[in-house]
Amino acid sequence: MLASLKGKSVIVTGGSKGIGLGISLAFARAGAFVTIAARGEEAGANAVKELALIGGAGQFLQCDVTDWDAVKSTVDETTKQAG
């Protein structure tokens, strides 16, 4: 179990499916604002719904981690939304 992450924000790359989704949910359960950064919009939207079902807060941002500009944009948007 993770320590309390209330007031913290995290970015989980590949966080919309599989192990990444499990990590996203664990961070949400610990109280973090979770940005799910992945390529697939539908899977990302579904993952955010799963966060909400457990009382977590977060967002999906489409991001290809091989594209530096996309990564920078994801970090900037997460900082803007959650600090």
N, C-alpha and C. Protein backbone atom coordinates (compact mmCIF):
# COMPACT_ATOMS: atom_id res chain seq x y z
N MET A 1 0.83 -1.19 0.00
CA MET A 1 0.00 0.00 0.00
C MET A 1 0.87 1.24 0.00
N LEU A 2 0.52 2.20 -0.82
CA LEU A 2 1.26 3.45 -0.89
C LEU A 2 0.91 4.36 0.27
N ALA A 3 1.87 5.15 0.69
CA ALA A 3 1.60 6.18 1.69
C ALA A 3 0.65 7.20 1.07
N SER A 4 0.09 8.05 1.89
CA SER A 4 -0.83 9.06 1.37
C SER A 4 -0.12 9.98 0.38
N LEU A 5 -0.74 10.16 -0.76
CA LEU A 5 -0.21 11.07 -1.79
C LEU A 5 -1.17 12.23 -2.02
N LYS A 6 -2.03 12.48 -1.03
CA LYS A 6 -2.99 13.58 -1.13
C LYS A 6 -2.23 14.89 -1.38
N GLY A 7 -2.70 15.63 -2.39
CA GLY A 7 -2.06 16.89 -2.74
C GLY A 7 -0.91 16.75 -3.72
N LYS A 8 -0.62 15.54 -4.13
CA LYS A 8 0.46 15.28 -5.09
C LYS A 8 -0.16 14.96 -6.44
N SER A 9 0.63 15.12 -7.48
CA SER A 9 0.19 14.72 -8.82
C SER A 9 1.24 13.81 -9.44
N VAL A 10 0.76 12.88 -10.25
CA VAL A 10 1.64 11.93 -10.93
C VAL A 10 1.23 11.81 -12.39
N ILE A 11 2.18 11.44 -13.21
CA ILE A 11 1.93 11.12 -14.61
C ILE A 11 2.29 9.66 -14.79
N VAL A 12 1.35 8.89 -15.33
CA VAL A 12 1.61 7.47 -15.60
C VAL A 12 1.57 7.28 -17.11
N THR A 13 2.73 7.02 -17.70
CA THR A 13 2.76 6.75 -19.13
C THR A 13 2.28 5.33 -19.36
N GLY A 14 1.47 5.16 -20.39
CA GLY A 14 0.88 3.85 -20.64
C GLY A 14 -0.11 3.46 -19.55
N GLY A 15 -0.71 4.47 -18.91
CA GLY A 15 -1.54 4.23 -17.75
C GLY A 15 -2.99 3.88 -18.02
N SER A 16 -3.32 3.59 -19.27
CA SER A 16 -4.72 3.35 -19.59
C SER A 16 -5.11 1.87 -19.64
N LYS A 17 -4.13 0.97 -19.65
CA LYS A 17 -4.42 -0.46 -19.77
C LYS A 17 -3.39 -1.28 -19.00
N GLY A 18 -3.77 -2.49 -18.67
CA GLY A 18 -2.83 -3.45 -18.10
C GLY A 18 -2.17 -2.98 -16.82
N ILE A 19 -0.87 -3.23 -16.73
CA ILE A 19 -0.10 -2.87 -15.55
C ILE A 19 -0.15 -1.36 -15.31
N GLY A 20 -0.08 -0.58 -16.38
CA GLY A 20 -0.14 0.87 -16.25
C GLY A 20 -1.44 1.34 -15.61
N LEU A 21 -2.56 0.73 -15.98
CA LEU A 21 -3.84 1.07 -15.36
C LEU A 21 -3.82 0.70 -13.88
N GLY A 22 -3.26 -0.45 -13.56
CA GLY A 22 -3.15 -0.84 -12.16
C GLY A 22 -2.35 0.16 -11.35
N ILE A 23 -1.28 0.67 -11.94
CA ILE A 23 -0.46 1.69 -11.28
C ILE A 23 -1.27 2.97 -11.12
N SER A 24 -1.99 3.37 -12.16
CA SER A 24 -2.82 4.58 -12.09
C SER A 24 -3.84 4.47 -10.96
N LEU A 25 -4.49 3.32 -10.86
CA LEU A 25 -5.50 3.11 -9.82
C LEU A 25 -4.87 3.12 -8.43
N ALA A 26 -3.68 2.55 -8.29
CA ALA A 26 -3.00 2.55 -6.99
C ALA A 26 -2.67 3.97 -6.56
N PHE A 27 -2.16 4.78 -7.49
CA PHE A 27 -1.87 6.17 -7.16
C PHE A 27 -3.14 6.92 -6.78
N ALA A 28 -4.23 6.67 -7.50
CA ALA A 28 -5.50 7.34 -7.20
C ALA A 28 -6.01 6.94 -5.81
N ARG A 29 -5.90 5.66 -5.49
CA ARG A 29 -6.33 5.19 -4.16
C ARG A 29 -5.53 5.86 -3.05
N ALA A 30 -4.28 6.19 -3.34
CA ALA A 30 -3.42 6.84 -2.35
C ALA A 30 -3.67 8.35 -2.30
N GLY A 31 -4.55 8.86 -3.17
CA GLY A 31 -4.94 10.26 -3.10
C GLY A 31 -4.32 11.19 -4.11
N ALA A 32 -3.47 10.67 -4.99
CA ALA A 32 -2.82 11.53 -5.99
C ALA A 32 -3.77 11.89 -7.13
N PHE A 33 -3.55 13.05 -7.71
CA PHE A 33 -4.19 13.42 -8.98
C PHE A 33 -3.38 12.70 -10.06
N VAL A 34 -4.05 11.91 -10.88
CA VAL A 34 -3.35 11.05 -11.85
C VAL A 34 -3.59 11.53 -13.27
N THR A 35 -2.50 11.84 -13.96
CA THR A 35 -2.58 12.08 -15.39
C THR A 35 -2.20 10.79 -16.09
N ILE A 36 -3.13 10.28 -16.88
CA ILE A 36 -2.87 9.09 -17.67
C ILE A 36 -2.42 9.55 -19.04
N ALA A 37 -1.18 9.26 -19.36
CA ALA A 37 -0.59 9.66 -20.64
C ALA A 37 -0.45 8.43 -21.51
N ALA A 38 -1.22 8.40 -22.58
CA ALA A 38 -1.21 7.23 -23.47
C ALA A 38 -1.64 7.68 -24.87
N ARG A 39 -1.53 6.78 -25.82
CA ARG A 39 -1.88 7.13 -27.20
C ARG A 39 -3.36 6.94 -27.51
N GLY A 40 -4.00 5.95 -26.92
CA GLY A 40 -5.38 5.63 -27.28
C GLY A 40 -6.40 6.44 -26.50
N GLU A 41 -7.20 7.22 -27.22
CA GLU A 41 -8.19 8.08 -26.58
C GLU A 41 -9.29 7.29 -25.88
N GLU A 42 -9.81 6.27 -26.52
CA GLU A 42 -10.91 5.51 -25.92
C GLU A 42 -10.46 4.82 -24.63
N ALA A 43 -9.32 4.16 -24.67
CA ALA A 43 -8.80 3.50 -23.47
C ALA A 43 -8.49 4.53 -22.38
N GLY A 44 -7.97 5.68 -22.77
CA GLY A 44 -7.68 6.73 -21.80
C GLY A 44 -8.93 7.26 -21.13
N ALA A 45 -9.96 7.49 -21.91
CA ALA A 45 -11.24 7.97 -21.35
C ALA A 45 -11.84 6.92 -20.40
N ASN A 46 -11.75 5.66 -20.78
CA ASN A 46 -12.26 4.59 -19.92
C ASN A 46 -11.47 4.50 -18.61
N ALA A 47 -10.16 4.71 -18.70
CA ALA A 47 -9.32 4.66 -17.50
C ALA A 47 -9.68 5.78 -16.53
N VAL A 48 -9.95 6.97 -17.04
CA VAL A 48 -10.34 8.08 -16.18
C VAL A 48 -11.68 7.77 -15.50
N LYS A 49 -12.58 7.10 -16.21
CA LYS A 49 -13.84 6.69 -15.60
C LYS A 49 -13.59 5.71 -14.46
N GLU A 50 -12.63 4.81 -14.64
CA GLU A 50 -12.29 3.86 -13.58
C GLU A 50 -11.73 4.58 -12.36
N LEU A 51 -10.92 5.61 -12.60
CA LEU A 51 -10.40 6.41 -11.48
C LEU A 51 -11.56 7.02 -10.69
N ALA A 52 -12.51 7.58 -11.42
CA ALA A 52 -13.66 8.22 -10.77
C ALA A 52 -14.49 7.21 -9.97
N LEU A 53 -14.62 6.00 -10.47
CA LEU A 53 -15.40 4.98 -9.77
C LEU A 53 -14.83 4.64 -8.40
N ILE A 54 -13.53 4.81 -8.22
CA ILE A 54 -12.92 4.53 -6.91
C ILE A 54 -12.71 5.82 -6.12
N GLY A 55 -13.26 6.92 -6.63
CA GLY A 55 -13.15 8.19 -5.92
C GLY A 55 -11.88 8.96 -6.22
N GLY A 56 -11.16 8.54 -7.25
CA GLY A 56 -9.91 9.20 -7.62
C GLY A 56 -10.13 10.37 -8.56
N ALA A 57 -9.13 11.22 -8.65
CA ALA A 57 -9.18 12.36 -9.55
C ALA A 57 -8.06 12.22 -10.58
N GLY A 58 -8.39 12.62 -11.81
CA GLY A 58 -7.36 12.53 -12.83
C GLY A 58 -7.85 13.00 -14.17
N GLN A 59 -6.97 12.84 -15.14
CA GLN A 59 -7.28 13.24 -16.50
C GLN A 59 -6.51 12.34 -17.46
N PHE A 60 -6.97 12.31 -18.69
CA PHE A 60 -6.25 11.62 -19.76
C PHE A 60 -5.69 12.67 -20.69
N LEU A 61 -4.43 12.50 -21.04
CA LEU A 61 -3.81 13.33 -22.07
C LEU A 61 -3.17 12.42 -23.10
N GLN A 62 -3.53 12.64 -24.35
CA GLN A 62 -2.95 11.84 -25.42
C GLN A 62 -1.48 12.22 -25.55
N CYS A 63 -0.61 11.21 -25.50
CA CYS A 63 0.82 11.48 -25.51
C CYS A 63 1.58 10.28 -26.07
N ASP A 64 2.46 10.56 -27.02
CA ASP A 64 3.40 9.57 -27.54
C ASP A 64 4.74 9.92 -26.91
N VAL A 65 5.23 9.07 -26.02
CA VAL A 65 6.45 9.40 -25.27
C VAL A 65 7.70 9.45 -26.13
N THR A 66 7.61 9.07 -27.40
CA THR A 66 8.76 9.21 -28.29
C THR A 66 8.83 10.60 -28.90
N ASP A 67 7.83 11.43 -28.61
CA ASP A 67 7.75 12.81 -29.14
C ASP A 67 7.97 13.78 -27.98
N TRP A 68 9.16 14.40 -27.95
CA TRP A 68 9.52 15.30 -26.85
C TRP A 68 8.49 16.41 -26.65
N ASP A 69 7.99 17.00 -27.71
CA ASP A 69 7.00 18.08 -27.57
C ASP A 69 5.73 17.59 -26.90
N ALA A 70 5.31 16.37 -27.21
CA ALA A 70 4.12 15.80 -26.58
C ALA A 70 4.37 15.56 -25.09
N VAL A 71 5.55 15.09 -24.75
CA VAL A 71 5.89 14.85 -23.34
C VAL A 71 5.90 16.17 -22.58
N LYS A 72 6.54 17.18 -23.13
CA LYS A 72 6.59 18.50 -22.49
C LYS A 72 5.19 19.06 -22.31
N SER A 73 4.36 18.93 -23.31
CA SER A 73 2.98 19.41 -23.23
C SER A 73 2.22 18.68 -22.12
N THR A 74 2.43 17.39 -21.99
CA THR A 74 1.77 16.60 -20.95
C THR A 74 2.18 17.07 -19.57
N VAL A 75 3.46 17.30 -19.39
CA VAL A 75 3.96 17.80 -18.09
C VAL A 75 3.39 19.18 -17.81
N ASP A 76 3.42 20.06 -18.81
CA ASP A 76 2.91 21.42 -18.63
C ASP A 76 1.41 21.41 -18.28
N GLU A 77 0.63 20.60 -18.97
CA GLU A 77 -0.80 20.54 -18.72
C GLU A 77 -1.10 19.94 -17.34
N THR A 78 -0.33 18.93 -16.95
CA THR A 78 -0.52 18.35 -15.62
C THR A 78 -0.21 19.37 -14.54
N THR A 79 0.86 20.11 -14.71
CA THR A 79 1.22 21.14 -13.75
C THR A 79 0.13 22.21 -13.67
N LYS A 80 -0.42 22.57 -14.81
CA LYS A 80 -1.49 23.58 -14.87
C LYS A 80 -2.74 23.08 -14.14
N GLN A 81 -3.10 21.81 -14.34
CA GLN A 81 -4.32 21.25 -13.76
C GLN A 81 -4.17 20.88 -12.28
N ALA A 82 -3.01 20.38 -11.91
CA ALA A 82 -2.89 19.79 -10.56
C ALA A 82 -1.70 20.29 -9.75
N GLY A 83 -0.88 21.10 -10.34
CA GLY A 83 0.27 21.60 -9.58
C GLY A 83 1.41 20.62 -9.51
